[in-house]
C-alpha atoms as a PDB file:
ATOM      1  CA  UNK A   1      12.141   0.719  19.413  1.00  0.00           C
ATOM      2  CA  UNK A   2       9.285  -0.610  19.340  1.00  0.00           C
ATOM      3  CA  UNK A   3       6.972  -1.187  15.988  1.00  0.00           C
ATOM      4  CA  UNK A   4       3.762  -2.217  16.263  1.00  0.00           C
ATOM      5  CA  UNK A   5       2.220  -2.645  13.130  1.00  0.00           C
ATOM      6  CA  UNK A   6      -1.576  -2.540  11.734  1.00  0.00           C
ATOM      7  CA  UNK A   7      -2.811  -1.598  15.010  1.00  0.00           C
ATOM      8  CA  UNK A   8      -6.518  -1.247  13.341  1.00  0.00           C
ATOM      9  CA  UNK A   9      -6.281  -5.035  13.829  1.00  0.00           C
ATOM     10  CA  UNK A  10      -4.846  -4.932  17.021  1.00  0.00           C
ATOM     11  CA  UNK A  11      -6.424  -6.747  19.727  1.00  0.00           C
ATOM     12  CA  UNK A  12      -7.364  -4.761  23.614  1.00  0.00           C
ATOM     13  CA  UNK A  13      -4.225  -6.284  25.076  1.00  0.00           C
ATOM     14  CA  UNK A  14      -2.137  -4.875  22.306  1.00  0.00           C
ATOM     15  CA  UNK A  15      -3.422  -1.480  22.980  1.00  0.00           C
ATOM     16  CA  UNK A  16      -3.524  -1.558  26.707  1.00  0.00           C
ATOM     17  CA  UNK A  17       0.330  -2.565  26.190  1.00  0.00           C
ATOM     18  CA  UNK A  18       0.248   0.432  24.235  1.00  0.00           C
ATOM     19  CA  UNK A  19      -1.195   2.630  26.321  1.00  0.00           C
ATOM     20  CA  UNK A  20       0.822   1.654  29.547  1.00  0.00           C
ATOM     21  CA  UNK A  21       4.214   2.272  27.618  1.00  0.00           C
ATOM     22  CA  UNK A  22       3.171   5.725  26.608  1.00  0.00           C
ATOM     23  CA  UNK A  23       1.293   6.902  29.961  1.00  0.00           C
ATOM     24  CA  UNK A  24       4.365   5.110  32.253  1.00  0.00           C
ATOM     25  CA  UNK A  25       4.915   7.237  35.686  1.00  0.00           C
ATOM     26  CA  UNK A  26       8.445   6.421  34.984  1.00  0.00           C
ATOM     27  CA  UNK A  27       9.655   7.472  31.213  1.00  0.00           C
ATOM     28  CA  UNK A  28      11.190   4.548  29.592  1.00  0.00           C
ATOM     29  CA  UNK A  29      13.936   5.354  26.746  1.00  0.00           C
ATOM     30  CA  UNK A  30      11.625   3.977  23.975  1.00  0.00           C
ATOM     31  CA  UNK A  31      10.555   4.959  20.720  1.00  0.00           C
ATOM     32  CA  UNK A  32       7.369   3.397  19.855  1.00  0.00           C
ATOM     33  CA  UNK A  33       6.188   3.407  16.264  1.00  0.00           C
ATOM     34  CA  UNK A  34       2.314   2.586  15.649  1.00  0.00           C
ATOM     35  CA  UNK A  35       1.204   1.863  11.977  1.00  0.00           C
ATOM     36  CA  UNK A  36      -2.508   1.724  11.056  1.00  0.00           C
ATOM     37  CA  UNK A  37      -4.569   2.618   7.941  1.00  0.00           C
ATOM     38  CA  UNK A  38      -7.142   5.305   8.462  1.00  0.00           C
ATOM     39  CA  UNK A  39      -9.489   3.911   6.390  1.00  0.00           C
ATOM     40  CA  UNK A  40     -10.426   1.228   8.804  1.00  0.00           C
ATOM     41  CA  UNK A  41     -10.404   3.238  12.107  1.00  0.00           C
ATOM     42  CA  UNK A  42     -14.137   3.486  11.799  1.00  0.00           C
ATOM     43  CA  UNK A  43     -14.188  -0.683  12.422  1.00  0.00           C
ATOM     44  CA  UNK A  44     -11.566  -0.102  14.738  1.00  0.00           C
ATOM     45  CA  UNK A  45     -13.388   1.568  18.225  1.00  0.00           C
ATOM     46  CA  UNK A  46     -10.457   0.379  20.653  1.00  0.00           C
ATOM     47  CA  UNK A  47      -7.991   1.960  18.677  1.00  0.00           C
ATOM     48  CA  UNK A  48      -9.956   5.393  18.110  1.00  0.00           C
ATOM     49  CA  UNK A  49     -10.195   5.728  21.903  1.00  0.00           C
ATOM     50  CA  UNK A  50      -6.232   4.538  22.303  1.00  0.00           C
ATOM     51  CA  UNK A  51      -5.622   7.034  20.032  1.00  0.00           C
ATOM     52  CA  UNK A  52      -7.887  10.066  21.982  1.00  0.00           C
ATOM     53  CA  UNK A  53      -5.781   9.221  24.823  1.00  0.00           C
ATOM     54  CA  UNK A  54      -2.151   8.820  23.312  1.00  0.00           C
ATOM     55  CA  UNK A  55      -2.794  12.691  22.050  1.00  0.00           C
ATOM     56  CA  UNK A  56      -2.919  13.903  25.421  1.00  0.00           C
ATOM     57  CA  UNK A  57       0.631  12.826  26.379  1.00  0.00           C
ATOM     58  CA  UNK A  58       3.757  14.825  25.546  1.00  0.00           C
ATOM     59  CA  UNK A  59       5.877  13.098  22.844  1.00  0.00           C
ATOM     60  CA  UNK A  60       2.932  11.818  21.167  1.00  0.00           C
ATOM     61  CA  UNK A  61       3.184  12.755  17.193  1.00  0.00           C
ATOM     62  CA  UNK A  62       0.585  11.591  14.450  1.00  0.00           C
ATOM     63  CA  UNK A  63       2.357  11.920  11.127  1.00  0.00           C
ATOM     64  CA  UNK A  64      -0.151  11.013   8.592  1.00  0.00           C
ATOM     65  CA  UNK A  65       1.266   9.692   4.981  1.00  0.00           C
ATOM     66  CA  UNK A  66      -0.128  10.429   1.521  1.00  0.00           C
ATOM     67  CA  UNK A  67       0.453   7.905  -1.506  1.00  0.00           C
ATOM     68  CA  UNK A  68       2.673   9.057  -4.396  1.00  0.00           C
ATOM     69  CA  UNK A  69       1.143  11.288  -7.159  1.00  0.00           C
ATOM     70  CA  UNK A  70       0.745  10.559 -10.247  1.00  0.00           C
ATOM     71  CA  UNK A  71       4.998  11.510 -11.020  1.00  0.00           C
ATOM     72  CA  UNK A  72       5.997   9.940  -8.053  1.00  0.00           C
ATOM     73  CA  UNK A  73       4.493   6.635  -9.505  1.00  0.00           C
ATOM     74  CA  UNK A  74       6.128   7.328 -12.954  1.00  0.00           C
ATOM     75  CA  UNK A  75       9.628   8.195 -10.588  1.00  0.00           C
ATOM     76  CA  UNK A  76       9.139   4.867  -8.431  1.00  0.00           C
ATOM     77  CA  UNK A  77       8.986   2.370 -12.022  1.00  0.00           C
ATOM     78  CA  UNK A  78      11.486   4.905 -13.200  1.00  0.00           C
ATOM     79  CA  UNK A  79      14.385   4.204 -10.945  1.00  0.00           C
ATOM     80  CA  UNK A  80      13.378   0.107 -11.183  1.00  0.00           C
ATOM     81  CA  UNK A  81      14.083   0.469 -14.465  1.00  0.00           C
ATOM     82  CA  UNK A  82      16.879   2.332 -14.452  1.00  0.00           C
ATOM     83  CA  UNK A  83      15.511   5.249 -17.412  1.00  0.00           C
ATOM     84  CA  UNK A  84      12.636   6.730 -18.703  1.00  0.00           C
ATOM     85  CA  UNK A  85       9.525   5.218 -19.029  1.00  0.00           C
ATOM     86  CA  UNK A  86       8.300   4.526 -23.214  1.00  0.00           C
ATOM     87  CA  UNK A  87       4.962   5.598 -23.413  1.00  0.00           C
ATOM     88  CA  UNK A  88       3.729   1.900 -22.931  1.00  0.00           C
ATOM     89  CA  UNK A  89       5.298   2.317 -19.525  1.00  0.00           C
ATOM     90  CA  UNK A  90       3.277   5.502 -18.825  1.00  0.00           C
ATOM     91  CA  UNK A  91       0.635   3.971 -19.317  1.00  0.00           C
ATOM     92  CA  UNK A  92       1.556   1.449 -17.196  1.00  0.00           C
ATOM     93  CA  UNK A  93       2.261   3.872 -14.662  1.00  0.00           C
ATOM     94  CA  UNK A  94      -0.925   5.680 -15.101  1.00  0.00           C
ATOM     95  CA  UNK A  95      -2.848   2.173 -14.616  1.00  0.00           C
ATOM     96  CA  UNK A  96      -0.844   1.197 -11.032  1.00  0.00           C
ATOM     97  CA  UNK A  97      -1.355   4.858  -9.745  1.00  0.00           C
ATOM     98  CA  UNK A  98      -5.122   4.356  -9.824  1.00  0.00           C
ATOM     99  CA  UNK A  99      -5.548   1.007  -8.747  1.00  0.00           C
ATOM    100  CA  UNK A 100      -3.259   1.492  -5.803  1.00  0.00           C
ATOM    101  CA  UNK A 101      -4.212   5.394  -5.123  1.00  0.00           C
ATOM    102  CA  UNK A 102      -0.483   5.806  -5.273  1.00  0.00           C
ATOM    103  CA  UNK A 103       0.613   3.226  -2.144  1.00  0.00           C
ATOM    104  CA  UNK A 104       4.244   2.693  -2.595  1.00  0.00           C
ATOM    105  CA  UNK A 105       4.254  -0.630  -1.420  1.00  0.00           C
ATOM    106  CA  UNK A 106       0.936  -1.927  -3.562  1.00  0.00           C
ATOM    107  CA  UNK A 107       2.835  -0.232  -6.717  1.00  0.00           C
ATOM    108  CA  UNK A 108       6.063  -2.235  -5.835  1.00  0.00           C
ATOM    109  CA  UNK A 109       3.493  -5.512  -5.094  1.00  0.00           C
ATOM    110  CA  UNK A 110       1.326  -5.057  -7.592  1.00  0.00           C
ATOM    111  CA  UNK A 111       4.488  -4.712 -10.331  1.00  0.00           C
ATOM    112  CA  UNK A 112       6.150  -8.219  -8.897  1.00  0.00           C
ATOM    113  CA  UNK A 113       2.584  -9.651  -8.920  1.00  0.00           C
ATOM    114  CA  UNK A 114       2.263  -8.150 -12.755  1.00  0.00           C
ATOM    115  CA  UNK A 115       5.713  -9.610 -13.637  1.00  0.00           C
ATOM    116  CA  UNK A 116       5.299 -13.012 -11.710  1.00  0.00           C
ATOM    117  CA  UNK A 117       2.418 -13.451 -13.869  1.00  0.00           C
ATOM    118  CA  UNK A 118       3.270 -12.703 -17.009  1.00  0.00           C
ATOM    119  CA  UNK A 119       0.853  -9.507 -17.109  1.00  0.00           C
ATOM    120  CA  UNK A 120       4.165  -7.592 -17.744  1.00  0.00           C
ATOM    121  CA  UNK A 121       7.745  -7.868 -18.552  1.00  0.00           C
ATOM    122  CA  UNK A 122      10.805  -5.966 -19.401  1.00  0.00           C
ATOM    123  CA  UNK A 123      12.200  -6.301 -22.723  1.00  0.00           C
ATOM    124  CA  UNK A 124      15.962  -5.667 -23.370  1.00  0.00           C
ATOM    125  CA  UNK A 125      16.560  -2.635 -23.148  1.00  0.00           C
ATOM    126  CA  UNK A 126      14.546  -2.645 -19.960  1.00  0.00           C
ATOM    127  CA  UNK A 127      11.484  -0.761 -21.358  1.00  0.00           C
ATOM    128  CA  UNK A 128       7.825  -2.021 -19.856  1.00  0.00           C
ATOM    129  CA  UNK A 129       5.991  -4.361 -22.251  1.00  0.00           C
ATOM    130  CA  UNK A 130       2.126  -5.326 -20.890  1.00  0.00           C
ATOM    131  CA  UNK A 131       1.353  -8.843 -22.603  1.00  0.00           C
ATOM    132  CA  UNK A 132      -2.212  -8.549 -23.658  1.00  0.00           C
ATOM    133  CA  UNK A 133      -4.016 -11.844 -21.901  1.00  0.00           C
ATOM    134  CA  UNK A 134      -6.536 -13.899 -25.027  1.00  0.00           C
ATOM    135  CA  UNK A 135      -8.066 -15.923 -22.620  1.00  0.00           C
ATOM    136  CA  UNK A 136     -12.077 -15.611 -22.148  1.00  0.00           C
ATOM    137  CA  UNK A 137     -11.708 -13.559 -19.229  1.00  0.00           C
ATOM    138  CA  UNK A 138      -9.413 -10.938 -20.649  1.00  0.00           C
ATOM    139  CA  UNK A 139      -9.693  -7.204 -20.706  1.00  0.00           C
ATOM    140  CA  UNK A 140     -11.085  -6.820 -23.843  1.00  0.00           C
ATOM    141  CA  UNK A 141     -14.252  -9.119 -22.505  1.00  0.00           C
ATOM    142  CA  UNK A 142     -14.355  -7.235 -18.749  1.00  0.00           C
ATOM    143  CA  UNK A 143     -13.785  -3.753 -20.637  1.00  0.00           C
ATOM    144  CA  UNK A 144     -10.830  -3.005 -19.563  1.00  0.00           C
ATOM    145  CA  UNK A 145      -8.167  -1.821 -22.362  1.00  0.00           C
ATOM    146  CA  UNK A 146      -5.025  -3.611 -20.774  1.00  0.00           C
ATOM    147  CA  UNK A 147      -3.733  -6.654 -19.071  1.00  0.00           C
ATOM    148  CA  UNK A 148      -2.637  -4.570 -16.325  1.00  0.00           C
ATOM    149  CA  UNK A 149      -5.686  -2.585 -15.764  1.00  0.00           C
ATOM    150  CA  UNK A 150      -7.464  -5.756 -15.590  1.00  0.00           C
ATOM    151  CA  UNK A 151      -5.335  -7.774 -13.338  1.00  0.00           C
ATOM    152  CA  UNK A 152      -4.762  -4.644 -11.269  1.00  0.00           C
ATOM    153  CA  UNK A 153      -8.387  -4.626 -10.596  1.00  0.00           C
ATOM    154  CA  UNK A 154      -8.341  -8.014  -9.709  1.00  0.00           C
ATOM    155  CA  UNK A 155      -5.077  -7.750  -6.929  1.00  0.00           C
ATOM    156  CA  UNK A 156      -7.355  -4.592  -5.386  1.00  0.00           C
ATOM    157  CA  UNK A 157     -10.665  -6.535  -4.720  1.00  0.00           C
ATOM    158  CA  UNK A 158      -7.797  -9.299  -3.394  1.00  0.00           C
ATOM    159  CA  UNK A 159      -6.298  -6.774  -1.125  1.00  0.00           C
ATOM    160  CA  UNK A 160      -9.875  -5.444   0.117  1.00  0.00           C
ATOM    161  CA  UNK A 161     -11.260  -9.121   0.845  1.00  0.00           C
ATOM    162  CA  UNK A 162      -7.741 -10.428   2.539  1.00  0.00           C
ATOM    163  CA  UNK A 163      -8.681 -11.278   6.258  1.00  0.00           C
ATOM    164  CA  UNK A 164      -6.539  -9.797   8.968  1.00  0.00           C
ATOM    165  CA  UNK A 165      -2.804 -11.137   9.644  1.00  0.00           C
END
């Protein structure tokens, strides 16, 4: 198995390797799994061209994955906590859903980030508790209703401005 992650950032040599593996005259027993973000296809003409060529080959399958829905984010958080969410936890789940578009990776990473920065915590019974910031750039000052929403917005801005790896 060969996994090629974030193909939207792949260089031409990597895309040529992918084309070569798929179009080889003597097929190899190899599963190639490539991932990319649809939202960044417009900025990757080489990947668009490669996908067009790959579609012509037998054995090529494209699976489009979607984010979790609101109930899915709640279920993910309940599984992490080990019990049903409180009202505050449901509010946090709603905020996380809106800020991450239900992307399970971003939901778990944002939960980790919010926990590590002290914006949220789990109390002794495991319920999610949102800690309200008191600093000048707090959620109230920015028009947000909770520390989680404020920090989630900051995380989303950071994610969208991060350079390619």
